């Protein structure tokens, strides 16, 4: 038993040593070539928030859905007024009238919920379409910039990014100039 554990620990320590040596040699090679490697980072979140194209898309969506939103708000106000009226008049109404008005209120509420859900779904779909279009344009700009300025890698997601490699401002300028 002791012999087996000694053998296992010898193998593990040998593998750990070999792994450490490999990691150190890779790190040494990467360190030697780090000056030659040109890396950039672009913040997609900033592009979707700060670019002129994103702001134009946001305005276009607001204009596209303003009438439906207004109609929905009016229906909501009508629904609330009807509910308040039923609460106020309910005790003095006859049972058939109260039941009829409750059914009408429920139907109005279902219609309101349906319209609100449809509006939200349509708005989300249009936002996704606009976002996809913006991201495709931004990726073309990033690719062109990477080729022109000889970048080896441009990342879109990182735990930490130093200002030296952040090229988001360049991408925003090119994207906004292209309109």
N, C-alpha and C. Protein backbone atom coordinates (compact mmCIF):
# COMPACT_ATOMS: atom_id res chain seq x y z
N UNK A 1 0.83 -1.19 0.00
CA UNK A 1 0.00 0.00 0.00
C UNK A 1 0.87 1.24 0.00
N UNK A 2 1.88 1.26 0.89
CA UNK A 2 2.78 2.38 0.97
C UNK A 2 3.53 2.56 -0.34
N UNK A 3 3.88 1.46 -0.95
CA UNK A 3 4.63 1.52 -2.21
C UNK A 3 3.77 2.15 -3.30
N UNK A 4 2.48 1.86 -3.35
CA UNK A 4 1.58 2.40 -4.35
C UNK A 4 1.43 3.91 -4.16
N UNK A 5 1.28 4.37 -2.93
CA UNK A 5 1.12 5.80 -2.70
C UNK A 5 2.42 6.54 -3.01
N UNK A 6 3.58 5.90 -2.73
CA UNK A 6 4.86 6.53 -3.06
C UNK A 6 5.00 6.69 -4.57
N UNK A 7 4.59 5.65 -5.31
CA UNK A 7 4.66 5.67 -6.76
C UNK A 7 3.72 6.74 -7.32
N UNK A 8 2.50 6.82 -6.78
CA UNK A 8 1.53 7.82 -7.24
C UNK A 8 2.02 9.22 -6.95
N UNK A 9 2.59 9.44 -5.74
CA UNK A 9 3.07 10.79 -5.42
C UNK A 9 4.28 11.14 -6.27
N UNK A 10 5.12 10.18 -6.61
CA UNK A 10 6.27 10.44 -7.48
C UNK A 10 5.80 10.84 -8.88
N UNK A 11 4.81 10.11 -9.38
CA UNK A 11 4.26 10.44 -10.70
C UNK A 11 3.62 11.83 -10.71
N UNK A 12 2.85 12.13 -9.67
CA UNK A 12 2.18 13.43 -9.59
C UNK A 12 3.20 14.55 -9.50
N UNK A 13 4.22 14.40 -8.65
CA UNK A 13 5.21 15.47 -8.53
C UNK A 13 6.02 15.60 -9.81
N UNK A 14 6.27 14.50 -10.50
CA UNK A 14 6.97 14.57 -11.79
C UNK A 14 6.15 15.29 -12.84
N UNK A 15 4.85 14.97 -12.88
CA UNK A 15 3.96 15.65 -13.83
C UNK A 15 3.82 17.13 -13.49
N UNK A 16 3.73 17.43 -12.21
CA UNK A 16 3.61 18.83 -11.79
C UNK A 16 4.86 19.60 -12.18
N UNK A 17 6.03 19.00 -12.02
CA UNK A 17 7.28 19.65 -12.41
C UNK A 17 7.33 19.89 -13.91
N UNK A 18 6.95 18.87 -14.68
CA UNK A 18 6.95 19.00 -16.14
C UNK A 18 5.96 20.08 -16.58
N UNK A 19 4.78 20.10 -15.95
CA UNK A 19 3.77 21.10 -16.27
C UNK A 19 4.27 22.50 -15.94
N UNK A 20 4.91 22.65 -14.78
CA UNK A 20 5.45 23.96 -14.41
C UNK A 20 6.50 24.42 -15.40
N UNK A 21 7.37 23.52 -15.82
CA UNK A 21 8.40 23.86 -16.79
C UNK A 21 7.78 24.29 -18.11
N UNK A 22 6.75 23.57 -18.53
CA UNK A 22 6.07 23.91 -19.78
C UNK A 22 5.42 25.28 -19.69
N UNK A 23 4.73 25.54 -18.59
CA UNK A 23 4.07 26.84 -18.40
C UNK A 23 5.11 27.95 -18.39
N UNK A 24 6.21 27.77 -17.69
CA UNK A 24 7.26 28.78 -17.64
C UNK A 24 7.87 29.02 -19.02
N UNK A 25 8.07 27.96 -19.78
CA UNK A 25 8.67 28.15 -21.10
C UNK A 25 7.70 28.85 -22.04
N UNK A 26 6.41 28.51 -21.95
CA UNK A 26 5.40 29.20 -22.77
C UNK A 26 5.32 30.67 -22.36
N UNK A 27 5.34 30.92 -21.06
CA UNK A 27 5.29 32.30 -20.59
C UNK A 27 6.51 33.07 -21.05
N UNK A 28 7.66 32.42 -21.05
CA UNK A 28 8.88 33.08 -21.53
C UNK A 28 8.80 33.42 -22.99
N UNK A 29 8.29 32.50 -23.81
CA UNK A 29 8.13 32.74 -25.25
C UNK A 29 7.12 33.85 -25.47
N UNK A 30 5.99 33.79 -24.74
CA UNK A 30 4.97 34.82 -24.89
C UNK A 30 5.52 36.17 -24.47
N UNK A 31 6.32 36.20 -23.41
CA UNK A 31 6.92 37.45 -22.96
C UNK A 31 7.88 38.00 -23.99
N UNK A 32 8.62 37.12 -24.65
CA UNK A 32 9.58 37.57 -25.67
C UNK A 32 8.86 38.11 -26.88
N UNK A 33 7.70 37.55 -27.22
CA UNK A 33 6.96 37.97 -28.41
C UNK A 33 5.89 39.01 -28.12
N UNK A 34 5.73 39.39 -26.86
CA UNK A 34 4.66 40.32 -26.50
C UNK A 34 4.81 41.66 -27.20
N UNK A 35 6.06 42.10 -27.44
CA UNK A 35 6.26 43.38 -28.12
C UNK A 35 5.85 43.31 -29.58
N UNK A 36 5.91 42.12 -30.17
CA UNK A 36 5.57 41.95 -31.57
C UNK A 36 4.07 41.77 -31.79
N UNK A 37 3.35 41.32 -30.79
CA UNK A 37 1.93 41.04 -30.88
C UNK A 37 1.14 42.32 -30.66
N UNK A 38 0.28 42.67 -31.61
CA UNK A 38 -0.53 43.89 -31.49
C UNK A 38 -1.96 43.48 -31.15
N UNK A 39 -2.40 43.86 -29.94
CA UNK A 39 -3.70 43.47 -29.43
C UNK A 39 -4.55 44.72 -29.23
N UNK A 40 -5.83 44.59 -29.53
CA UNK A 40 -6.78 45.68 -29.30
C UNK A 40 -8.02 45.16 -28.61
N UNK A 41 -8.77 46.07 -28.06
CA UNK A 41 -10.03 45.73 -27.40
C UNK A 41 -11.07 46.74 -27.83
N UNK A 42 -12.28 46.25 -28.10
CA UNK A 42 -13.39 47.13 -28.43
C UNK A 42 -14.57 46.78 -27.53
N UNK A 43 -15.18 47.80 -26.95
CA UNK A 43 -16.33 47.62 -26.06
C UNK A 43 -17.62 47.72 -26.87
N UNK A 44 -18.23 46.59 -27.11
CA UNK A 44 -19.50 46.56 -27.86
C UNK A 44 -20.58 47.29 -27.08
N UNK A 45 -20.54 47.19 -25.76
CA UNK A 45 -21.52 47.89 -24.93
C UNK A 45 -21.44 49.39 -25.16
N UNK A 46 -20.23 49.94 -25.21
CA UNK A 46 -20.09 51.38 -25.47
C UNK A 46 -20.55 51.75 -26.87
N UNK A 47 -20.28 50.90 -27.83
CA UNK A 47 -20.70 51.18 -29.20
C UNK A 47 -22.22 51.21 -29.30
N UNK A 48 -22.88 50.27 -28.63
CA UNK A 48 -24.35 50.24 -28.70
C UNK A 48 -24.97 51.36 -27.88
N UNK A 49 -24.21 51.97 -27.00
CA UNK A 49 -24.74 53.05 -26.17
C UNK A 49 -24.35 54.43 -26.69
N UNK A 50 -23.12 54.59 -27.22
CA UNK A 50 -22.60 55.91 -27.52
C UNK A 50 -22.55 56.28 -29.00
N UNK A 51 -22.64 55.32 -29.89
CA UNK A 51 -22.49 55.65 -31.31
C UNK A 51 -23.69 56.45 -31.81
N UNK A 52 -23.43 57.26 -32.81
CA UNK A 52 -24.50 58.06 -33.42
C UNK A 52 -25.55 57.15 -34.04
N UNK A 53 -25.12 56.05 -34.63
CA UNK A 53 -26.06 55.12 -35.25
C UNK A 53 -27.00 54.52 -34.20
N UNK A 54 -26.49 54.25 -33.02
CA UNK A 54 -27.34 53.70 -31.95
C UNK A 54 -28.37 54.74 -31.50
N UNK A 55 -27.94 55.98 -31.42
CA UNK A 55 -28.86 57.05 -31.00
C UNK A 55 -29.93 57.29 -32.05
N UNK A 56 -29.55 57.22 -33.31
CA UNK A 56 -30.53 57.38 -34.40
C UNK A 56 -31.53 56.23 -34.36
N UNK A 57 -31.04 55.01 -34.15
CA UNK A 57 -31.94 53.85 -34.08
C UNK A 57 -32.90 53.99 -32.91
N UNK A 58 -32.40 54.46 -31.79
CA UNK A 58 -33.26 54.65 -30.61
C UNK A 58 -34.37 55.66 -30.90
N UNK A 59 -34.02 56.76 -31.55
CA UNK A 59 -35.01 57.78 -31.91
C UNK A 59 -36.03 57.23 -32.91
N UNK A 60 -35.52 56.47 -33.88
CA UNK A 60 -36.41 55.88 -34.90
C UNK A 60 -37.40 54.92 -34.24
N UNK A 61 -36.92 54.11 -33.30
CA UNK A 61 -37.82 53.18 -32.60
C UNK A 61 -38.85 53.92 -31.76
N UNK A 62 -38.44 54.98 -31.10
CA UNK A 62 -39.38 55.75 -30.29
C UNK A 62 -40.48 56.33 -31.17
N UNK A 63 -40.11 56.86 -32.33
CA UNK A 63 -41.10 57.43 -33.25
C UNK A 63 -42.01 56.35 -33.81
N UNK A 64 -41.44 55.19 -34.08
CA UNK A 64 -42.20 54.10 -34.66
C UNK A 64 -43.28 53.56 -33.71
N UNK A 65 -43.00 53.59 -32.41
CA UNK A 65 -43.91 52.98 -31.45
C UNK A 65 -44.67 53.98 -30.59
N UNK A 66 -44.51 55.26 -30.83
CA UNK A 66 -45.15 56.27 -29.98
C UNK A 66 -46.68 56.20 -30.06
N UNK A 67 -47.24 56.01 -31.25
CA UNK A 67 -48.70 55.97 -31.39
C UNK A 67 -49.29 54.75 -30.67
N UNK A 68 -48.68 53.59 -30.86
CA UNK A 68 -49.20 52.39 -30.20
C UNK A 68 -49.08 52.51 -28.69
N UNK A 69 -47.99 53.11 -28.22
CA UNK A 69 -47.81 53.30 -26.78
C UNK A 69 -48.87 54.25 -26.24
N UNK A 70 -49.16 55.32 -26.98
CA UNK A 70 -50.18 56.28 -26.56
C UNK A 70 -51.56 55.61 -26.51
N UNK A 71 -51.87 54.82 -27.54
CA UNK A 71 -53.15 54.10 -27.56
C UNK A 71 -53.26 53.14 -26.37
N UNK A 72 -52.15 52.49 -26.04
CA UNK A 72 -52.14 51.57 -24.91
C UNK A 72 -52.34 52.31 -23.60
N UNK A 73 -51.73 53.46 -23.46
CA UNK A 73 -51.92 54.26 -22.25
C UNK A 73 -53.37 54.73 -22.12
N UNK A 74 -53.97 55.11 -23.24
CA UNK A 74 -55.37 55.53 -23.21
C UNK A 74 -56.28 54.36 -22.81
N UNK A 75 -56.00 53.18 -23.35
CA UNK A 75 -56.79 52.01 -22.98
C UNK A 75 -56.60 51.68 -21.50
N UNK A 76 -55.39 51.83 -20.99
CA UNK A 76 -55.12 51.61 -19.57
C UNK A 76 -55.88 52.58 -18.70
N UNK A 77 -55.94 53.85 -19.12
CA UNK A 77 -56.69 54.85 -18.35
C UNK A 77 -58.18 54.54 -18.38
N UNK A 78 -58.67 54.10 -19.54
CA UNK A 78 -60.09 53.73 -19.65
C UNK A 78 -60.39 52.52 -18.77
N UNK A 79 -59.48 51.57 -18.75
CA UNK A 79 -59.64 50.38 -17.92
C UNK A 79 -59.69 50.76 -16.45
N UNK A 80 -58.80 51.63 -16.02
CA UNK A 80 -58.78 52.08 -14.63
C UNK A 80 -60.06 52.83 -14.27
N UNK A 81 -60.51 53.71 -15.16
CA UNK A 81 -61.73 54.46 -14.90
C UNK A 81 -62.93 53.51 -14.79
N UNK A 82 -62.98 52.51 -15.66
CA UNK A 82 -64.08 51.54 -15.62
C UNK A 82 -64.04 50.73 -14.32
N UNK A 83 -62.84 50.34 -13.90
CA UNK A 83 -62.70 49.58 -12.64
C UNK A 83 -63.11 50.44 -11.45
N UNK A 84 -62.70 51.70 -11.46
CA UNK A 84 -63.08 52.61 -10.37
C UNK A 84 -64.59 52.81 -10.32
N UNK A 85 -65.20 52.95 -11.49
CA UNK A 85 -66.65 53.15 -11.56
C UNK A 85 -67.39 51.91 -11.04
N UNK A 86 -66.87 50.73 -11.40
CA UNK A 86 -67.49 49.49 -10.93
C UNK A 86 -67.35 49.36 -9.42
N UNK A 87 -66.18 49.72 -8.89
CA UNK A 87 -65.99 49.67 -7.43
C UNK A 87 -66.96 50.62 -6.72
N UNK A 88 -67.15 51.78 -7.31
CA UNK A 88 -68.02 52.80 -6.70
C UNK A 88 -69.50 52.40 -6.81
N UNK A 89 -69.90 51.98 -8.02
CA UNK A 89 -71.31 51.70 -8.27
C UNK A 89 -71.70 50.25 -8.00
N UNK A 90 -70.74 49.38 -7.83
CA UNK A 90 -71.01 47.95 -7.66
C UNK A 90 -72.03 47.62 -6.58
N UNK A 91 -71.92 48.20 -5.39
CA UNK A 91 -72.88 47.84 -4.33
C UNK A 91 -74.34 48.20 -4.65
N UNK A 92 -74.56 49.19 -5.49
CA UNK A 92 -75.95 49.59 -5.78
C UNK A 92 -76.49 48.97 -7.06
N UNK A 93 -75.63 48.28 -7.82
CA UNK A 93 -76.08 47.66 -9.08
C UNK A 93 -76.80 46.34 -8.78
N UNK A 94 -77.70 45.99 -9.69
CA UNK A 94 -78.35 44.68 -9.57
C UNK A 94 -77.31 43.60 -9.91
N UNK A 95 -77.57 42.41 -9.47
CA UNK A 95 -76.62 41.30 -9.68
C UNK A 95 -76.31 41.08 -11.16
N UNK A 96 -77.32 41.05 -12.06
CA UNK A 96 -77.01 40.86 -13.49
C UNK A 96 -76.18 42.01 -14.08
N UNK A 97 -76.48 43.26 -13.67
CA UNK A 97 -75.71 44.40 -14.18
C UNK A 97 -74.26 44.35 -13.68
N UNK A 98 -74.10 44.01 -12.41
CA UNK A 98 -72.75 43.94 -11.84
C UNK A 98 -71.95 42.84 -12.54
N UNK A 99 -72.56 41.69 -12.76
CA UNK A 99 -71.90 40.57 -13.44
C UNK A 99 -71.51 40.95 -14.86
N UNK A 100 -72.45 41.62 -15.56
CA UNK A 100 -72.18 42.05 -16.94
C UNK A 100 -71.01 43.02 -16.97
N UNK A 101 -70.98 43.99 -16.08
CA UNK A 101 -69.90 44.98 -16.05
C UNK A 101 -68.56 44.34 -15.65
N UNK A 102 -68.61 43.36 -14.76
CA UNK A 102 -67.38 42.65 -14.39
C UNK A 102 -66.82 41.89 -15.59
N UNK A 103 -67.71 41.26 -16.37
CA UNK A 103 -67.26 40.56 -17.57
C UNK A 103 -66.66 41.53 -18.58
N UNK A 104 -67.31 42.67 -18.76
CA UNK A 104 -66.78 43.69 -19.67
C UNK A 104 -65.40 44.18 -19.20
N UNK A 105 -65.27 44.37 -17.91
CA UNK A 105 -64.00 44.81 -17.34
C UNK A 105 -62.92 43.74 -17.55
N UNK A 106 -63.26 42.49 -17.35
CA UNK A 106 -62.30 41.41 -17.57
C UNK A 106 -61.87 41.33 -19.03
N UNK A 107 -62.85 41.50 -19.93
CA UNK A 107 -62.54 41.48 -21.36
C UNK A 107 -61.64 42.66 -21.73
N UNK A 108 -61.94 43.82 -21.18
CA UNK A 108 -61.12 45.01 -21.43
C UNK A 108 -59.70 44.79 -20.89
N UNK A 109 -59.60 44.16 -19.74
CA UNK A 109 -58.28 43.88 -19.16
C UNK A 109 -57.51 42.88 -20.03
N UNK A 110 -58.17 41.84 -20.52
CA UNK A 110 -57.51 40.88 -21.42
C UNK A 110 -57.01 41.57 -22.68
N UNK A 111 -57.84 42.46 -23.24
CA UNK A 111 -57.44 43.20 -24.44
C UNK A 111 -56.23 44.09 -24.13
N UNK A 112 -56.25 44.74 -23.00
CA UNK A 112 -55.13 45.60 -22.59
C UNK A 112 -53.84 44.76 -22.46
N UNK A 113 -53.94 43.64 -21.78
CA UNK A 113 -52.77 42.76 -21.58
C UNK A 113 -52.26 42.24 -22.92
N UNK A 114 -53.16 41.86 -23.81
CA UNK A 114 -52.77 41.36 -25.14
C UNK A 114 -52.03 42.43 -25.92
N UNK A 115 -52.60 43.63 -25.94
CA UNK A 115 -51.96 44.73 -26.69
C UNK A 115 -50.61 45.09 -26.09
N UNK A 116 -50.53 45.10 -24.76
CA UNK A 116 -49.26 45.43 -24.11
C UNK A 116 -48.20 44.38 -24.46
N UNK A 117 -48.57 43.11 -24.43
CA UNK A 117 -47.65 42.03 -24.76
C UNK A 117 -47.21 42.13 -26.22
N UNK A 118 -48.15 42.39 -27.13
CA UNK A 118 -47.81 42.53 -28.55
C UNK A 118 -46.87 43.71 -28.77
N UNK A 119 -47.15 44.83 -28.12
CA UNK A 119 -46.29 46.00 -28.25
C UNK A 119 -44.89 45.67 -27.76
N UNK A 120 -44.78 45.03 -26.62
CA UNK A 120 -43.47 44.69 -26.06
C UNK A 120 -42.72 43.72 -26.98
N UNK A 121 -43.42 42.73 -27.52
CA UNK A 121 -42.79 41.77 -28.42
C UNK A 121 -42.31 42.46 -29.70
N UNK A 122 -43.16 43.31 -30.28
CA UNK A 122 -42.78 44.02 -31.49
C UNK A 122 -41.61 44.97 -31.24
N UNK A 123 -41.64 45.66 -30.12
CA UNK A 123 -40.56 46.57 -29.77
C UNK A 123 -39.25 45.79 -29.58
N UNK A 124 -39.30 44.67 -28.88
CA UNK A 124 -38.10 43.86 -28.68
C UNK A 124 -37.55 43.35 -30.01
N UNK A 125 -38.44 42.92 -30.88
CA UNK A 125 -38.01 42.43 -32.19
C UNK A 125 -37.31 43.54 -32.98
N UNK A 126 -37.91 44.71 -33.00
CA UNK A 126 -37.30 45.84 -33.74
C UNK A 126 -35.97 46.27 -33.10
N UNK A 127 -35.90 46.27 -31.77
CA UNK A 127 -34.62 46.59 -31.10
C UNK A 127 -33.55 45.60 -31.50
N UNK A 128 -33.90 44.32 -31.53
CA UNK A 128 -32.94 43.30 -31.92
C UNK A 128 -32.49 43.48 -33.36
N UNK A 129 -33.42 43.84 -34.25
CA UNK A 129 -33.06 44.08 -35.64
C UNK A 129 -32.09 45.25 -35.76
N UNK A 130 -32.40 46.34 -35.07
CA UNK A 130 -31.53 47.53 -35.11
C UNK A 130 -30.16 47.22 -34.50
N UNK A 131 -30.15 46.49 -33.39
CA UNK A 131 -28.91 46.12 -32.74
C UNK A 131 -28.06 45.24 -33.65
N UNK A 132 -28.69 44.28 -34.30
CA UNK A 132 -27.97 43.39 -35.21
C UNK A 132 -27.34 44.18 -36.35
N UNK A 133 -28.07 45.09 -36.91
CA UNK A 133 -27.55 45.93 -37.99
C UNK A 133 -26.35 46.75 -37.51
N UNK A 134 -26.49 47.35 -36.34
CA UNK A 134 -25.39 48.15 -35.78
C UNK A 134 -24.16 47.28 -35.53
N UNK A 135 -24.36 46.10 -34.96
CA UNK A 135 -23.23 45.22 -34.66
C UNK A 135 -22.53 44.74 -35.92
N UNK A 136 -23.29 44.47 -36.97
CA UNK A 136 -22.68 44.07 -38.25
C UNK A 136 -21.82 45.19 -38.81
N UNK A 137 -22.32 46.42 -38.75
CA UNK A 137 -21.54 47.57 -39.22
C UNK A 137 -20.29 47.76 -38.37
N UNK A 138 -20.44 47.63 -37.05
CA UNK A 138 -19.30 47.79 -36.15
C UNK A 138 -18.25 46.72 -36.40
N UNK A 139 -18.67 45.49 -36.65
CA UNK A 139 -17.70 44.42 -36.93
C UNK A 139 -16.95 44.67 -38.23
N UNK A 140 -17.64 45.19 -39.24
CA UNK A 140 -16.95 45.53 -40.50
C UNK A 140 -15.90 46.60 -40.24
N UNK A 141 -16.26 47.62 -39.45
CA UNK A 141 -15.32 48.69 -39.12
C UNK A 141 -14.12 48.14 -38.35
N UNK A 142 -14.38 47.28 -37.39
CA UNK A 142 -13.29 46.70 -36.59
C UNK A 142 -12.37 45.87 -37.49
N UNK A 143 -12.94 45.07 -38.38
CA UNK A 143 -12.12 44.27 -39.30
C UNK A 143 -11.26 45.14 -40.19
N UNK A 144 -11.86 46.19 -40.76
CA UNK A 144 -11.10 47.09 -41.63
C UNK A 144 -9.98 47.77 -40.86
N UNK A 145 -10.29 48.25 -39.66
CA UNK A 145 -9.28 48.92 -38.85
C UNK A 145 -8.18 47.95 -38.47
N UNK A 146 -8.53 46.72 -38.13
CA UNK A 146 -7.54 45.71 -37.75
C UNK A 146 -6.60 45.41 -38.92
N UNK A 147 -7.15 45.31 -40.11
CA UNK A 147 -6.32 45.04 -41.28
C UNK A 147 -5.43 46.24 -41.62
N UNK A 148 -5.98 47.44 -41.57
CA UNK A 148 -5.21 48.64 -41.91
C UNK A 148 -4.10 48.92 -40.91
N UNK A 149 -4.39 48.71 -39.63
CA UNK A 149 -3.41 49.04 -38.59
C UNK A 149 -2.63 47.83 -38.11
N UNK A 150 -2.78 46.70 -38.81
CA UNK A 150 -2.01 45.48 -38.56
C UNK A 150 -2.17 44.92 -37.15
N UNK A 151 -3.40 44.86 -36.66
CA UNK A 151 -3.67 44.22 -35.37
C UNK A 151 -3.65 42.71 -35.56
N UNK A 152 -3.11 41.99 -34.58
CA UNK A 152 -3.13 40.54 -34.60
C UNK A 152 -4.44 40.02 -34.02
N UNK A 153 -4.93 40.68 -32.97
CA UNK A 153 -6.14 40.26 -32.28
C UNK A 153 -6.87 41.50 -31.78
N UNK A 154 -8.19 41.50 -31.96
CA UNK A 154 -9.03 42.51 -31.32
C UNK A 154 -10.11 41.75 -30.56
N UNK A 155 -10.13 41.96 -29.25
CA UNK A 155 -11.05 41.26 -28.36
C UNK A 155 -12.29 42.10 -28.11
N UNK A 156 -13.39 41.41 -27.81
CA UNK A 156 -14.64 42.09 -27.47
C UNK A 156 -15.03 41.88 -26.01
N UNK A 157 -14.36 40.98 -25.33
CA UNK A 157 -14.72 40.68 -23.95
C UNK A 157 -13.44 40.39 -23.18
N UNK A 158 -13.27 41.03 -22.05
CA UNK A 158 -12.08 40.82 -21.24
C UNK A 158 -12.38 41.20 -19.79
N UNK A 159 -11.63 40.62 -18.89
CA UNK A 159 -11.78 40.92 -17.47
C UNK A 159 -11.19 42.30 -17.18
N UNK A 160 -10.05 42.57 -17.77
CA UNK A 160 -9.39 43.86 -17.57
C UNK A 160 -8.83 44.32 -18.91
N UNK A 161 -8.95 45.61 -19.18
CA UNK A 161 -8.41 46.18 -20.40
C UNK A 161 -7.71 47.48 -20.04
N UNK A 162 -6.46 47.56 -20.40
CA UNK A 162 -5.71 48.80 -20.19
C UNK A 162 -6.06 49.80 -21.29
N UNK A 163 -5.91 51.06 -21.00
CA UNK A 163 -6.28 52.09 -21.99
C UNK A 163 -5.42 52.03 -23.26
N UNK A 164 -4.23 51.45 -23.16
CA UNK A 164 -3.33 51.37 -24.32
C UNK A 164 -3.90 50.49 -25.42
N UNK A 165 -4.67 49.46 -25.07
CA UNK A 165 -5.20 48.54 -26.07
C UNK A 165 -6.66 48.80 -26.41
N UNK A 166 -7.33 49.69 -25.71
CA UNK A 166 -8.74 49.98 -25.96
C UNK A 166 -8.88 50.85 -27.21
N UNK A 167 -9.47 50.29 -28.25
CA UNK A 167 -9.63 50.99 -29.52
C UNK A 167 -11.08 51.40 -29.76
N UNK A 168 -11.89 51.37 -28.73
CA UNK A 168 -13.31 51.68 -28.88
C UNK A 168 -13.53 53.09 -29.41
N UNK A 169 -12.76 54.06 -28.92
CA UNK A 169 -12.93 55.43 -29.39
C UNK A 169 -12.65 55.55 -30.90
N UNK A 170 -11.63 54.85 -31.38
CA UNK A 170 -11.32 54.85 -32.81
C UNK A 170 -12.48 54.27 -33.61
N UNK A 171 -13.00 53.16 -33.13
CA UNK A 171 -14.11 52.50 -33.82
C UNK A 171 -15.34 53.41 -33.84
N UNK A 172 -15.62 54.07 -32.71
CA UNK A 172 -16.76 54.99 -32.65
C UNK A 172 -16.59 56.13 -33.66
N UNK A 173 -15.39 56.69 -33.75
CA UNK A 173 -15.15 57.79 -34.71
C UNK A 173 -15.35 57.32 -36.13
N UNK A 174 -14.83 56.17 -36.48
CA UNK A 174 -14.97 55.65 -37.85
C UNK A 174 -16.43 55.33 -38.13
N UNK A 175 -17.09 54.69 -37.19
CA UNK A 175 -18.50 54.32 -37.34
C UNK A 175 -19.38 55.55 -37.51
N UNK A 176 -19.14 56.57 -36.70
CA UNK A 176 -19.93 57.80 -36.78
C UNK A 176 -19.65 58.59 -38.04
N UNK A 177 -18.42 58.52 -38.53
CA UNK A 177 -18.07 59.23 -39.76
C UNK A 177 -18.68 58.54 -40.98
N UNK A 178 -18.85 57.24 -40.93
CA UNK A 178 -19.38 56.48 -42.07
C UNK A 178 -20.85 56.71 -42.29
N UNK A 179 -21.63 56.88 -41.22
CA UNK A 179 -23.09 57.04 -41.27
C UNK A 179 -23.60 56.46 -42.54
